[in-house]
Every structure is written in C-alpha cells, then in structure tokens.
Amino acid sequence: MLTAINPKLPMRDKATTKNYYLNNLNFKEIGNYDDYLIVGKDKIEIHFFMFKELDPKENYGGVYIRTDDIDKLYQSLLDGKTSIHPNGNLEIKPWGQKEFALLDPDNNLLTFGQSI
C-alpha cells in the first residue's frame, strides 16, 4: 500500500532554502506556497514548512537519501563547491553503506547513501 515518503523539514527563510536546493543540489521547484515549499530531484521530494523561530543549533531534522551513483553525486557536489559536513566525508560505513552528509542552511542533515 505505501508508495513513497516525502520528508517535511523546517526552514527559516523560503528564498534561502529554495536557492540552496535549486542551485547547490540541482533540485527543481515542484510547489511554492505561502509558508510551504516542495523541491524534487529524480524520484524524491522534500517538503519544507516555515519555522521562522527555528534555532539552527537546536535543529535535528534530517533525511537519508539513497542513490545509485554516490561517487558521481559526491564529486558533482564538490565540483559545485557545495560544503560537505565536516564529519560527513564520503566513506564506507560498518553497516554496508557508502555515505556522505551535508547540512542545509537550517542545519537539516542530508545523508546520502548507497549499498555496497
């Protein structure tokens, strides 16, 4: 019965969030409403809701995004000068995934992984 999951993450400023996902991560805008933004890439969507009072230092929002070509994705982000999380460089994890992570402008953690 279940067909997809679309995480909802907080954002403080829609223009900043939109700019980051469209220009740094090459997502496309799918929906843009008063206090709500939807972006997508390939087969995934991420939804954002306005939370102006969000303290990024206290935000623990995050998503795990699977990919089928993690090396290419990682290199494309490096080539585009997208900051990788200081503790999130590309590496093989003990749980059988090759992963890296980054933080968006609101400190939402985006972890990208591929089974090895």
PDB file of N, CA and C in Angstrom:
ATOM      1  N   MET A   1       0.796  -1.217   0.000  1.00  0.00           N
ATOM      2  CA  MET A   1       0.000   0.000   0.000  1.00  0.00           C
ATOM      3  C   MET A   1       0.832   1.272   0.000  1.00  0.00           C
ATOM      4  N   LEU A   2       1.892   1.329   0.769  1.00  0.00           N
ATOM      5  CA  LEU A   2       2.706   2.538   0.822  1.00  0.00           C
ATOM      6  C   LEU A   2       3.486   2.693  -0.477  1.00  0.00           C
ATOM      7  N   THR A   3       3.571   3.915  -0.966  1.00  0.00           N
ATOM      8  CA  THR A   3       4.230   4.121  -2.262  1.00  0.00           C
ATOM      9  C   THR A   3       5.420   5.075  -2.211  1.00  0.00           C
ATOM     10  N   ALA A   4       5.478   5.956  -1.229  1.00  0.00           N
ATOM     11  CA  ALA A   4       6.585   6.913  -1.164  1.00  0.00           C
ATOM     12  C   ALA A   4       6.602   7.575   0.200  1.00  0.00           C
ATOM     13  N   ILE A   5       7.727   8.180   0.519  1.00  0.00           N
ATOM     14  CA  ILE A   5       7.819   9.003   1.718  1.00  0.00           C
ATOM     15  C   ILE A   5       8.433  10.335   1.310  1.00  0.00           C
ATOM     16  N   ASN A   6       7.844  11.407   1.768  1.00  0.00           N
ATOM     17  CA  ASN A   6       8.307  12.751   1.451  1.00  0.00           C
ATOM     18  C   ASN A   6       8.525  13.501   2.758  1.00  0.00           C
ATOM     19  N   PRO A   7       9.760  13.580   3.202  1.00  0.00           N
ATOM     20  CA  PRO A   7      10.014  14.225   4.491  1.00  0.00           C
ATOM     21  C   PRO A   7       9.646  15.698   4.479  1.00  0.00           C
ATOM     22  N   LYS A   8       9.255  16.196   5.662  1.00  0.00           N
ATOM     23  CA  LYS A   8       8.959  17.609   5.866  1.00  0.00           C
ATOM     24  C   LYS A   8      10.000  18.152   6.824  1.00  0.00           C
ATOM     25  N   LEU A   9      10.707  19.181   6.384  1.00  0.00           N
ATOM     26  CA  LEU A   9      11.767  19.771   7.178  1.00  0.00           C
ATOM     27  C   LEU A   9      11.472  21.252   7.423  1.00  0.00           C
ATOM     28  N   PRO A  10      11.971  21.791   8.524  1.00  0.00           N
ATOM     29  CA  PRO A  10      11.750  23.209   8.800  1.00  0.00           C
ATOM     30  C   PRO A  10      12.675  24.106   7.990  1.00  0.00           C
ATOM     31  N   MET A  11      12.185  25.297   7.708  1.00  0.00           N
ATOM     32  CA  MET A  11      13.000  26.326   7.051  1.00  0.00           C
ATOM     33  C   MET A  11      12.697  27.656   7.716  1.00  0.00           C
ATOM     34  N   ARG A  12      13.701  28.524   7.778  1.00  0.00           N
ATOM     35  CA  ARG A  12      13.512  29.860   8.342  1.00  0.00           C
ATOM     36  C   ARG A  12      13.200  30.889   7.274  1.00  0.00           C
ATOM     37  N   ASP A  13      13.736  30.677   6.080  1.00  0.00           N
ATOM     38  CA  ASP A  13      13.588  31.649   5.005  1.00  0.00           C
ATOM     39  C   ASP A  13      13.431  30.889   3.689  1.00  0.00           C
ATOM     40  N   LYS A  14      12.286  31.026   3.074  1.00  0.00           N
ATOM     41  CA  LYS A  14      11.991  30.260   1.872  1.00  0.00           C
ATOM     42  C   LYS A  14      12.964  30.551   0.731  1.00  0.00           C
ATOM     43  N   ALA A  15      13.324  31.807   0.527  1.00  0.00           N
ATOM     44  CA  ALA A  15      14.233  32.157  -0.573  1.00  0.00           C
ATOM     45  C   ALA A  15      15.599  31.504  -0.387  1.00  0.00           C
ATOM     46  N   THR A  16      16.093  31.477   0.837  1.00  0.00           N
ATOM     47  CA  THR A  16      17.392  30.856   1.123  1.00  0.00           C
ATOM     48  C   THR A  16      17.331  29.354   0.891  1.00  0.00           C
ATOM     49  N   THR A  17      16.269  28.731   1.386  1.00  0.00           N
ATOM     50  CA  THR A  17      16.109  27.284   1.211  1.00  0.00           C
ATOM     51  C   THR A  17      15.980  26.937  -0.269  1.00  0.00           C
ATOM     52  N   LYS A  18      15.149  27.662  -0.963  1.00  0.00           N
ATOM     53  CA  LYS A  18      14.944  27.421  -2.396  1.00  0.00           C
ATOM     54  C   LYS A  18      16.259  27.578  -3.156  1.00  0.00           C
ATOM     55  N   ASN A  19      16.981  28.633  -2.893  1.00  0.00           N
ATOM     56  CA  ASN A  19      18.250  28.880  -3.565  1.00  0.00           C
ATOM     57  C   ASN A  19      19.238  27.736  -3.318  1.00  0.00           C
ATOM     58  N   TYR A  20      19.330  27.281  -2.086  1.00  0.00           N
ATOM     59  CA  TYR A  20      20.276  26.212  -1.748  1.00  0.00           C
ATOM     60  C   TYR A  20      19.948  24.918  -2.492  1.00  0.00           C
ATOM     61  N   TYR A  21      18.693  24.492  -2.432  1.00  0.00           N
ATOM     62  CA  TYR A  21      18.324  23.217  -3.046  1.00  0.00           C
ATOM     63  C   TYR A  21      18.349  23.283  -4.576  1.00  0.00           C
ATOM     64  N   LEU A  22      17.937  24.398  -5.149  1.00  0.00           N
ATOM     65  CA  LEU A  22      17.937  24.503  -6.605  1.00  0.00           C
ATOM     66  C   LEU A  22      19.346  24.731  -7.161  1.00  0.00           C
ATOM     67  N   ASN A  23      20.116  25.577  -6.523  1.00  0.00           N
ATOM     68  CA  ASN A  23      21.411  25.950  -7.083  1.00  0.00           C
ATOM     69  C   ASN A  23      22.581  25.110  -6.590  1.00  0.00           C
ATOM     70  N   ASN A  24      22.510  24.589  -5.375  1.00  0.00           N
ATOM     71  CA  ASN A  24      23.608  23.760  -4.859  1.00  0.00           C
ATOM     72  C   ASN A  24      23.382  22.273  -5.114  1.00  0.00           C
ATOM     73  N   LEU A  25      22.140  21.832  -4.996  1.00  0.00           N
ATOM     74  CA  LEU A  25      21.853  20.398  -5.098  1.00  0.00           C
ATOM     75  C   LEU A  25      21.126  20.022  -6.379  1.00  0.00           C
ATOM     76  N   ASN A  26      20.837  20.998  -7.221  1.00  0.00           N
ATOM     77  CA  ASN A  26      20.185  20.768  -8.521  1.00  0.00           C
ATOM     78  C   ASN A  26      18.797  20.137  -8.421  1.00  0.00           C
ATOM     79  N   PHE A  27      18.066  20.478  -7.382  1.00  0.00           N
ATOM     80  CA  PHE A  27      16.666  20.082  -7.282  1.00  0.00           C
ATOM     81  C   PHE A  27      15.852  21.031  -8.146  1.00  0.00           C
ATOM     82  N   LYS A  28      14.599  20.683  -8.364  1.00  0.00           N
ATOM     83  CA  LYS A  28      13.672  21.534  -9.095  1.00  0.00           C
ATOM     84  C   LYS A  28      12.532  21.914  -8.143  1.00  0.00           C
ATOM     85  N   GLU A  29      11.993  23.089  -8.364  1.00  0.00           N
ATOM     86  CA  GLU A  29      10.842  23.514  -7.578  1.00  0.00           C
ATOM     87  C   GLU A  29       9.601  22.787  -8.074  1.00  0.00           C
ATOM     88  N   ILE A  30       8.876  22.172  -7.159  1.00  0.00           N
ATOM     89  CA  ILE A  30       7.649  21.461  -7.505  1.00  0.00           C
ATOM     90  C   ILE A  30       6.426  22.239  -7.025  1.00  0.00           C
ATOM     91  N   GLY A  31       6.545  22.878  -5.858  1.00  0.00           N
ATOM     92  CA  GLY A  31       5.437  23.659  -5.315  1.00  0.00           C
ATOM     93  C   GLY A  31       5.962  24.779  -4.448  1.00  0.00           C
ATOM     94  N   ASN A  32       5.278  25.924  -4.520  1.00  0.00           N
ATOM     95  CA  ASN A  32       5.700  27.085  -3.757  1.00  0.00           C
ATOM     96  C   ASN A  32       4.441  27.796  -3.278  1.00  0.00           C
ATOM     97  N   TYR A  33       4.199  27.737  -1.987  1.00  0.00           N
ATOM     98  CA  TYR A  33       3.001  28.301  -1.381  1.00  0.00           C
ATOM     99  C   TYR A  33       3.424  29.270  -0.294  1.00  0.00           C
ATOM    100  N   ASP A  34       2.495  29.943   0.348  1.00  0.00           N
ATOM    101  CA  ASP A  34       2.841  30.984   1.319  1.00  0.00           C
ATOM    102  C   ASP A  34       3.970  30.577   2.258  1.00  0.00           C
ATOM    103  N   ASP A  35       3.756  29.575   3.054  1.00  0.00           N
ATOM    104  CA  ASP A  35       4.739  29.140   4.045  1.00  0.00           C
ATOM    105  C   ASP A  35       5.177  27.700   3.810  1.00  0.00           C
ATOM    106  N   TYR A  36       5.205  27.298   2.558  1.00  0.00           N
ATOM    107  CA  TYR A  36       5.489  25.905   2.231  1.00  0.00           C
ATOM    108  C   TYR A  36       6.224  25.845   0.893  1.00  0.00           C
ATOM    109  N   LEU A  37       7.203  24.960   0.813  1.00  0.00           N
ATOM    110  CA  LEU A  37       7.991  24.791  -0.402  1.00  0.00           C
ATOM    111  C   LEU A  37       8.194  23.303  -0.644  1.00  0.00           C
ATOM    112  N   ILE A  38       8.101  22.875  -1.895  1.00  0.00           N
ATOM    113  CA  ILE A  38       8.362  21.486  -2.262  1.00  0.00           C
ATOM    114  C   ILE A  38       9.406  21.491  -3.369  1.00  0.00           C
ATOM    115  N   VAL A  39      10.470  20.712  -3.147  1.00  0.00           N
ATOM    116  CA  VAL A  39      11.507  20.553  -4.161  1.00  0.00           C
ATOM    117  C   VAL A  39      11.650  19.074  -4.470  1.00  0.00           C
ATOM    118  N   GLY A  40      12.143  18.767  -5.652  1.00  0.00           N
ATOM    119  CA  GLY A  40      12.301  17.372  -6.042  1.00  0.00           C
ATOM    120  C   GLY A  40      13.472  17.179  -6.975  1.00  0.00           C
ATOM    121  N   LYS A  41      13.948  15.942  -6.989  1.00  0.00           N
ATOM    122  CA  LYS A  41      15.016  15.554  -7.907  1.00  0.00           C
ATOM    123  C   LYS A  41      14.868  14.065  -8.152  1.00  0.00           C
ATOM    124  N   ASP A  42      14.932  13.673  -9.408  1.00  0.00           N
ATOM    125  CA  ASP A  42      14.764  12.273  -9.787  1.00  0.00           C
ATOM    126  C   ASP A  42      13.471  11.740  -9.182  1.00  0.00           C
ATOM    127  N   LYS A  43      13.546  10.791  -8.262  1.00  0.00           N
ATOM    128  CA  LYS A  43      12.329  10.183  -7.714  1.00  0.00           C
ATOM    129  C   LYS A  43      12.008  10.626  -6.294  1.00  0.00           C
ATOM    130  N   ILE A  44      12.662  11.681  -5.806  1.00  0.00           N
ATOM    131  CA  ILE A  44      12.383  12.100  -4.431  1.00  0.00           C
ATOM    132  C   ILE A  44      11.827  13.516  -4.377  1.00  0.00           C
ATOM    133  N   GLU A  45      11.121  13.797  -3.288  1.00  0.00           N
ATOM    134  CA  GLU A  45      10.612  15.130  -2.970  1.00  0.00           C
ATOM    135  C   GLU A  45      10.972  15.418  -1.523  1.00  0.00           C
ATOM    136  N   ILE A  46      11.269  16.679  -1.251  1.00  0.00           N
ATOM    137  CA  ILE A  46      11.418  17.145   0.119  1.00  0.00           C
ATOM    138  C   ILE A  46      10.500  18.345   0.276  1.00  0.00           C
ATOM    139  N   HIS A  47       9.721  18.320   1.346  1.00  0.00           N
ATOM    140  CA  HIS A  47       8.789  19.396   1.652  1.00  0.00           C
ATOM    141  C   HIS A  47       9.372  20.233   2.793  1.00  0.00           C
ATOM    142  N   PHE A  48       9.134  21.536   2.756  1.00  0.00           N
ATOM    143  CA  PHE A  48       9.611  22.442   3.799  1.00  0.00           C
ATOM    144  C   PHE A  48       8.458  23.276   4.312  1.00  0.00           C
ATOM    145  N   PHE A  49       8.414  23.439   5.627  1.00  0.00           N
ATOM    146  CA  PHE A  49       7.420  24.295   6.253  1.00  0.00           C
ATOM    147  C   PHE A  49       8.134  25.449   6.954  1.00  0.00           C
ATOM    148  N   MET A  50       7.475  26.603   7.006  1.00  0.00           N
ATOM    149  CA  MET A  50       8.066  27.787   7.604  1.00  0.00           C
ATOM    150  C   MET A  50       8.136  27.638   9.122  1.00  0.00           C
ATOM    151  N   PHE A  51       9.310  27.931   9.655  1.00  0.00           N
ATOM    152  CA  PHE A  51       9.538  27.925  11.103  1.00  0.00           C
ATOM    153  C   PHE A  51      10.557  29.031  11.373  1.00  0.00           C
ATOM    154  N   LYS A  52      10.078  30.282  11.367  1.00  0.00           N
ATOM    155  CA  LYS A  52      10.956  31.442  11.474  1.00  0.00           C
ATOM    156  C   LYS A  52      11.735  31.479  12.784  1.00  0.00           C
ATOM    157  N   GLU A  53      11.178  30.887  13.835  1.00  0.00           N
ATOM    158  CA  GLU A  53      11.824  30.926  15.146  1.00  0.00           C
ATOM    159  C   GLU A  53      12.847  29.802  15.318  1.00  0.00           C
ATOM    160  N   LEU A  54      13.059  29.004  14.307  1.00  0.00           N
ATOM    161  CA  LEU A  54      13.983  27.881  14.390  1.00  0.00           C
ATOM    162  C   LEU A  54      15.386  28.356  14.747  1.00  0.00           C
ATOM    163  N   ASP A  55      15.968  27.722  15.738  1.00  0.00           N
ATOM    164  CA  ASP A  55      17.371  27.948  16.071  1.00  0.00           C
ATOM    165  C   ASP A  55      18.151  26.817  15.412  1.00  0.00           C
ATOM    166  N   PRO A  56      18.926  27.109  14.367  1.00  0.00           N
ATOM    167  CA  PRO A  56      19.626  26.034  13.656  1.00  0.00           C
ATOM    168  C   PRO A  56      20.492  25.163  14.562  1.00  0.00           C
ATOM    169  N   LYS A  57      21.016  25.726  15.644  1.00  0.00           N
ATOM    170  CA  LYS A  57      21.844  24.945  16.564  1.00  0.00           C
ATOM    171  C   LYS A  57      21.031  23.902  17.323  1.00  0.00           C
ATOM    172  N   GLU A  58      19.704  24.071  17.327  1.00  0.00           N
ATOM    173  CA  GLU A  58      18.829  23.131  18.016  1.00  0.00           C
ATOM    174  C   GLU A  58      17.990  22.299  17.055  1.00  0.00           C
ATOM    175  N   ASN A  59      18.302  22.375  15.775  1.00  0.00           N
ATOM    176  CA  ASN A  59      17.553  21.622  14.774  1.00  0.00           C
ATOM    177  C   ASN A  59      18.229  20.280  14.527  1.00  0.00           C
ATOM    178  N   TYR A  60      17.473  19.222  14.715  1.00  0.00           N
ATOM    179  CA  TYR A  60      17.993  17.883  14.486  1.00  0.00           C
ATOM    180  C   TYR A  60      17.248  17.176  13.358  1.00  0.00           C
ATOM    181  N   GLY A  61      16.635  17.971  12.469  1.00  0.00           N
ATOM    182  CA  GLY A  61      15.948  17.399  11.320  1.00  0.00           C
ATOM    183  C   GLY A  61      16.947  16.746  10.381  1.00  0.00           C
ATOM    184  N   GLY A  62      16.520  15.666   9.755  1.00  0.00           N
ATOM    185  CA  GLY A  62      17.406  15.006   8.819  1.00  0.00           C
ATOM    186  C   GLY A  62      16.691  13.979   7.979  1.00  0.00           C
ATOM    187  N   VAL A  63      17.291  13.667   6.852  1.00  0.00           N
ATOM    188  CA  VAL A  63      16.766  12.634   5.963  1.00  0.00           C
ATOM    189  C   VAL A  63      17.925  11.803   5.430  1.00  0.00           C
ATOM    190  N   TYR A  64      17.616  10.564   5.110  1.00  0.00           N
ATOM    191  CA  TYR A  64      18.583   9.660   4.486  1.00  0.00           C
ATOM    192  C   TYR A  64      18.111   9.443   3.064  1.00  0.00           C
ATOM    193  N   ILE A  65      18.954   9.792   2.102  1.00  0.00           N
ATOM    194  CA  ILE A  65      18.588   9.723   0.691  1.00  0.00           C
ATOM    195  C   ILE A  65      19.465   8.676   0.014  1.00  0.00           C
ATOM    196  N   ARG A  66      18.844   7.673  -0.565  1.00  0.00           N
ATOM    197  CA  ARG A  66      19.589   6.626  -1.269  1.00  0.00           C
ATOM    198  C   ARG A  66      19.874   7.066  -2.702  1.00  0.00           C
ATOM    199  N   THR A  67      21.031   6.639  -3.182  1.00  0.00           N
ATOM    200  CA  THR A  67      21.444   6.959  -4.543  1.00  0.00           C
ATOM    201  C   THR A  67      22.036   5.710  -5.181  1.00  0.00           C
ATOM    202  N   ASP A  68      22.100   5.693  -6.502  1.00  0.00           N
ATOM    203  CA  ASP A  68      22.700   4.541  -7.184  1.00  0.00           C
ATOM    204  C   ASP A  68      24.054   4.895  -7.811  1.00  0.00           C
ATOM    205  N   ASP A  69      24.538   6.132  -7.561  1.00  0.00           N
ATOM    206  CA  ASP A  69      25.873   6.512  -8.038  1.00  0.00           C
ATOM    207  C   ASP A  69      26.456   7.551  -7.094  1.00  0.00           C
ATOM    208  N   ILE A  70      26.796   7.107  -5.899  1.00  0.00           N
ATOM    209  CA  ILE A  70      27.231   8.027  -4.856  1.00  0.00           C
ATOM    210  C   ILE A  70      28.534   8.735  -5.200  1.00  0.00           C
ATOM    211  N   ASP A  71      29.437   8.045  -5.872  1.00  0.00           N
ATOM    212  CA  ASP A  71      30.707   8.678  -6.228  1.00  0.00           C
ATOM    213  C   ASP A  71      30.492   9.864  -7.161  1.00  0.00           C
ATOM    214  N   LYS A  72      29.655   9.694  -8.158  1.00  0.00           N
ATOM    215  CA  LYS A  72      29.366  10.775  -9.103  1.00  0.00           C
ATOM    216  C   LYS A  72      28.647  11.927  -8.403  1.00  0.00           C
ATOM    217  N   LEU A  73      27.677  11.613  -7.560  1.00  0.00           N
ATOM    218  CA  LEU A  73      26.947  12.649  -6.832  1.00  0.00           C
ATOM    219  C   LEU A  73      27.889  13.438  -5.934  1.00  0.00           C
ATOM    220  N   TYR A  74      28.717  12.741  -5.179  1.00  0.00           N
ATOM    221  CA  TYR A  74      29.668  13.383  -4.274  1.00  0.00           C
ATOM    222  C   TYR A  74      30.607  14.307  -5.063  1.00  0.00           C
ATOM    223  N   GLN A  75      31.162  13.812  -6.153  1.00  0.00           N
ATOM    224  CA  GLN A  75      32.086  14.616  -6.944  1.00  0.00           C
ATOM    225  C   GLN A  75      31.390  15.837  -7.549  1.00  0.00           C
ATOM    226  N   SER A  76      30.154  15.666  -7.985  1.00  0.00           N
ATOM    227  CA  SER A  76      29.435  16.804  -8.570  1.00  0.00           C
ATOM    228  C   SER A  76      29.204  17.892  -7.523  1.00  0.00           C
ATOM    229  N   LEU A  77      28.956  17.508  -6.282  1.00  0.00           N
ATOM    230  CA  LEU A  77      28.775  18.500  -5.227  1.00  0.00           C
ATOM    231  C   LEU A  77      30.096  19.192  -4.898  1.00  0.00           C
ATOM    232  N   LEU A  78      31.173  18.427  -4.852  1.00  0.00           N
ATOM    233  CA  LEU A  78      32.488  19.033  -4.630  1.00  0.00           C
ATOM    234  C   LEU A  78      32.835  19.997  -5.766  1.00  0.00           C
ATOM    235  N   ASP A  79      32.581  19.576  -7.000  1.00  0.00           N
ATOM    236  CA  ASP A  79      32.855  20.432  -8.162  1.00  0.00           C
ATOM    237  C   ASP A  79      32.048  21.725  -8.107  1.00  0.00           C
ATOM    238  N   GLY A  80      30.835  21.627  -7.559  1.00  0.00           N
ATOM    239  CA  GLY A  80      29.972  22.797  -7.432  1.00  0.00           C
ATOM    240  C   GLY A  80      30.229  23.613  -6.179  1.00  0.00           C
ATOM    241  N   LYS A  81      31.262  23.243  -5.435  1.00  0.00           N
ATOM    242  CA  LYS A  81      31.661  23.968  -4.216  1.00  0.00           C
ATOM    243  C   LYS A  81      30.616  23.898  -3.109  1.00  0.00           C
ATOM    244  N   THR A  82      29.806  22.820  -3.090  1.00  0.00           N
ATOM    245  CA  THR A  82      28.848  22.611  -2.013  1.00  0.00           C
ATOM    246  C   THR A  82      29.594  22.063  -0.807  1.00  0.00           C
ATOM    247  N   SER A  83      29.357  22.678   0.344  1.00  0.00           N
ATOM    248  CA  SER A  83      30.049  22.257   1.563  1.00  0.00           C
ATOM    249  C   SER A  83      29.541  20.905   2.045  1.00  0.00           C
ATOM    250  N   ILE A  84      30.477  20.015   2.310  1.00  0.00           N
ATOM    251  CA  ILE A  84      30.182  18.708   2.894  1.00  0.00           C
ATOM    252  C   ILE A  84      30.301  18.861   4.408  1.00  0.00           C
ATOM    253  N   HIS A  85      29.469  18.145   5.151  1.00  0.00           N
ATOM    254  CA  HIS A  85      29.531  18.196   6.616  1.00  0.00           C
ATOM    255  C   HIS A  85      30.953  17.860   7.063  1.00  0.00           C
ATOM    256  N   PRO A  86      31.488  18.592   8.050  1.00  0.00           N
ATOM    257  CA  PRO A  86      32.871  18.320   8.489  1.00  0.00           C
ATOM    258  C   PRO A  86      33.116  16.872   8.911  1.00  0.00           C
ATOM    259  N   ASN A  87      32.094  16.211   9.415  1.00  0.00           N
ATOM    260  CA  ASN A  87      32.215  14.804   9.805  1.00  0.00           C
ATOM    261  C   ASN A  87      31.516  13.889   8.814  1.00  0.00           C
ATOM    262  N   GLY A  88      31.238  14.390   7.615  1.00  0.00           N
ATOM    263  CA  GLY A  88      30.428  13.632   6.673  1.00  0.00           C
ATOM    264  C   GLY A  88      31.072  13.351   5.343  1.00  0.00           C
ATOM    265  N   ASN A  89      32.403  13.271   5.299  1.00  0.00           N
ATOM    266  CA  ASN A  89      33.046  12.949   4.028  1.00  0.00           C
ATOM    267  C   ASN A  89      32.666  11.553   3.554  1.00  0.00           C
ATOM    268  N   LEU A  90      32.797  11.325   2.278  1.00  0.00           N
ATOM    269  CA  LEU A  90      32.440  10.041   1.680  1.00  0.00           C
ATOM    270  C   LEU A  90      33.281   8.926   2.285  1.00  0.00           C
ATOM    271  N   GLU A  91      32.590   7.912   2.819  1.00  0.00           N
ATOM    272  CA  GLU A  91      33.288   6.762   3.390  1.00  0.00           C
ATOM    273  C   GLU A  91      32.357   5.565   3.475  1.00  0.00           C
ATOM    274  N   ILE A  92      32.961   4.409   3.618  1.00  0.00           N
ATOM    275  CA  ILE A  92      32.205   3.170   3.791  1.00  0.00           C
ATOM    276  C   ILE A  92      31.931   2.982   5.281  1.00  0.00           C
ATOM    277  N   LYS A  93      30.676   2.756   5.603  1.00  0.00           N
ATOM    278  CA  LYS A  93      30.242   2.601   6.993  1.00  0.00           C
ATOM    279  C   LYS A  93      30.162   1.123   7.354  1.00  0.00           C
ATOM    280  N   PRO A  94      30.244   0.799   8.642  1.00  0.00           N
ATOM    281  CA  PRO A  94      30.185  -0.604   9.076  1.00  0.00           C
ATOM    282  C   PRO A  94      28.869  -1.304   8.721  1.00  0.00           C
ATOM    283  N   TRP A  95      27.820  -0.539   8.453  1.00  0.00           N
ATOM    284  CA  TRP A  95      26.516  -1.132   8.135  1.00  0.00           C
ATOM    285  C   TRP A  95      26.331  -1.376   6.640  1.00  0.00           C
ATOM    286  N   GLY A  96      27.431  -1.347   5.884  1.00  0.00           N
ATOM    287  CA  GLY A  96      27.376  -1.734   4.479  1.00  0.00           C
ATOM    288  C   GLY A  96      26.905  -0.649   3.534  1.00  0.00           C
ATOM    289  N   GLN A  97      27.057   0.594   3.925  1.00  0.00           N
ATOM    290  CA  GLN A  97      26.674   1.717   3.071  1.00  0.00           C
ATOM    291  C   GLN A  97      27.888   2.597   2.817  1.00  0.00           C
ATOM    292  N   LYS A  98      27.959   3.159   1.627  1.00  0.00           N
ATOM    293  CA  LYS A  98      28.922   4.206   1.322  1.00  0.00           C
ATOM    294  C   LYS A  98      28.138   5.504   1.438  1.00  0.00           C
ATOM    295  N   GLU A  99      28.593   6.418   2.293  1.00  0.00           N
ATOM    296  CA  GLU A  99      27.793   7.580   2.647  1.00  0.00           C
ATOM    297  C   GLU A  99      28.614   8.862   2.697  1.00  0.00           C
ATOM    298  N   PHE A 100      27.887   9.977   2.574  1.00  0.00           N
ATOM    299  CA  PHE A 100      28.398  11.299   2.927  1.00  0.00           C
ATOM    300  C   PHE A 100      27.209  12.130   3.391  1.00  0.00           C
ATOM    301  N   ALA A 101      27.500  13.268   4.020  1.00  0.00           N
ATOM    302  CA  ALA A 101      26.428  14.091   4.572  1.00  0.00           C
ATOM    303  C   ALA A 101      26.749  15.571   4.402  1.00  0.00           C
ATOM    304  N   LEU A 102      25.693  16.363   4.408  1.00  0.00           N
ATOM    305  CA  LEU A 102      25.837  17.808   4.392  1.00  0.00           C
ATOM    306  C   LEU A 102      24.712  18.423   5.200  1.00  0.00           C
ATOM    307  N   LEU A 103      24.874  19.692   5.525  1.00  0.00           N
ATOM    308  CA  LEU A 103      23.857  20.438   6.259  1.00  0.00           C
ATOM    309  C   LEU A 103      23.313  21.537   5.365  1.00  0.00           C
ATOM    310  N   ASP A 104      21.993  21.686   5.349  1.00  0.00           N
ATOM    311  CA  ASP A 104      21.409  22.783   4.587  1.00  0.00           C
ATOM    312  C   ASP A 104      21.464  24.063   5.432  1.00  0.00           C
ATOM    313  N   PRO A 105      20.988  25.186   4.920  1.00  0.00           N
ATOM    314  CA  PRO A 105      21.101  26.451   5.661  1.00  0.00           C
ATOM    315  C   PRO A 105      20.396  26.461   7.019  1.00  0.00           C
ATOM    316  N   ASP A 106      19.468  25.550   7.242  1.00  0.00           N
ATOM    317  CA  ASP A 106      18.755  25.491   8.523  1.00  0.00           C
ATOM    318  C   ASP A 106      19.249  24.361   9.416  1.00  0.00           C
ATOM    319  N   ASN A 107      20.371  23.768   9.044  1.00  0.00           N
ATOM    320  CA  ASN A 107      21.004  22.700   9.811  1.00  0.00           C
ATOM    321  C   ASN A 107      20.258  21.371   9.708  1.00  0.00           C
ATOM    322  N   ASN A 108      19.447  21.203   8.674  1.00  0.00           N
ATOM    323  CA  ASN A 108      18.857  19.896   8.394  1.00  0.00           C
ATOM    324  C   ASN A 108      19.961  19.016   7.824  1.00  0.00           C
ATOM    325  N   LEU A 109      20.131  17.834   8.386  1.00  0.00           N
ATOM    326  CA  LEU A 109      21.173  16.919   7.940  1.00  0.00           C
ATOM    327  C   LEU A 109      20.674  16.083   6.768  1.00  0.00           C
ATOM    328  N   LEU A 110      21.395  16.131   5.660  1.00  0.00           N
ATOM    329  CA  LEU A 110      21.088  15.321   4.489  1.00  0.00           C
ATOM    330  C   LEU A 110      22.196  14.291   4.358  1.00  0.00           C
ATOM    331  N   THR A 111      21.849  13.035   4.560  1.00  0.00           N
ATOM    332  CA  THR A 111      22.815  11.959   4.401  1.00  0.00           C
ATOM    333  C   THR A 111      22.475  11.211   3.128  1.00  0.00           C
ATOM    334  N   PHE A 112      23.473  11.034   2.282  1.00  0.00           N
ATOM    335  CA  PHE A 112      23.310  10.309   1.025  1.00  0.00           C
ATOM    336  C   PHE A 112      24.036   8.971   1.158  1.00  0.00           C
ATOM    337  N   GLY A 113      23.383   7.890   0.733  1.00  0.00           N
ATOM    338  CA  GLY A 113      24.000   6.585   0.887  1.00  0.00           C
ATOM    339  C   GLY A 113      23.696   5.644  -0.259  1.00  0.00           C
ATOM    340  N   GLN A 114      24.631   4.709  -0.446  1.00  0.00           N
ATOM    341  CA  GLN A 114      24.484   3.672  -1.458  1.00  0.00           C
ATOM    342  C   GLN A 114      24.967   2.358  -0.855  1.00  0.00           C
ATOM    343  N   SER A 115      24.191   1.299  -1.069  1.00  0.00           N
ATOM    344  CA  SER A 115      24.597  -0.029  -0.611  1.00  0.00           C
ATOM    345  C   SER A 115      25.824  -0.480  -1.387  1.00  0.00           C
ATOM    346  N   ILE A 116      26.720  -1.151  -0.674  1.00  0.00           N
ATOM    347  CA  ILE A 116      27.930  -1.665  -1.351  1.00  0.00           C
ATOM    348  C   ILE A 116      27.932  -3.180  -1.318  1.00  0.00           C
TER     349      ILE A 116
END
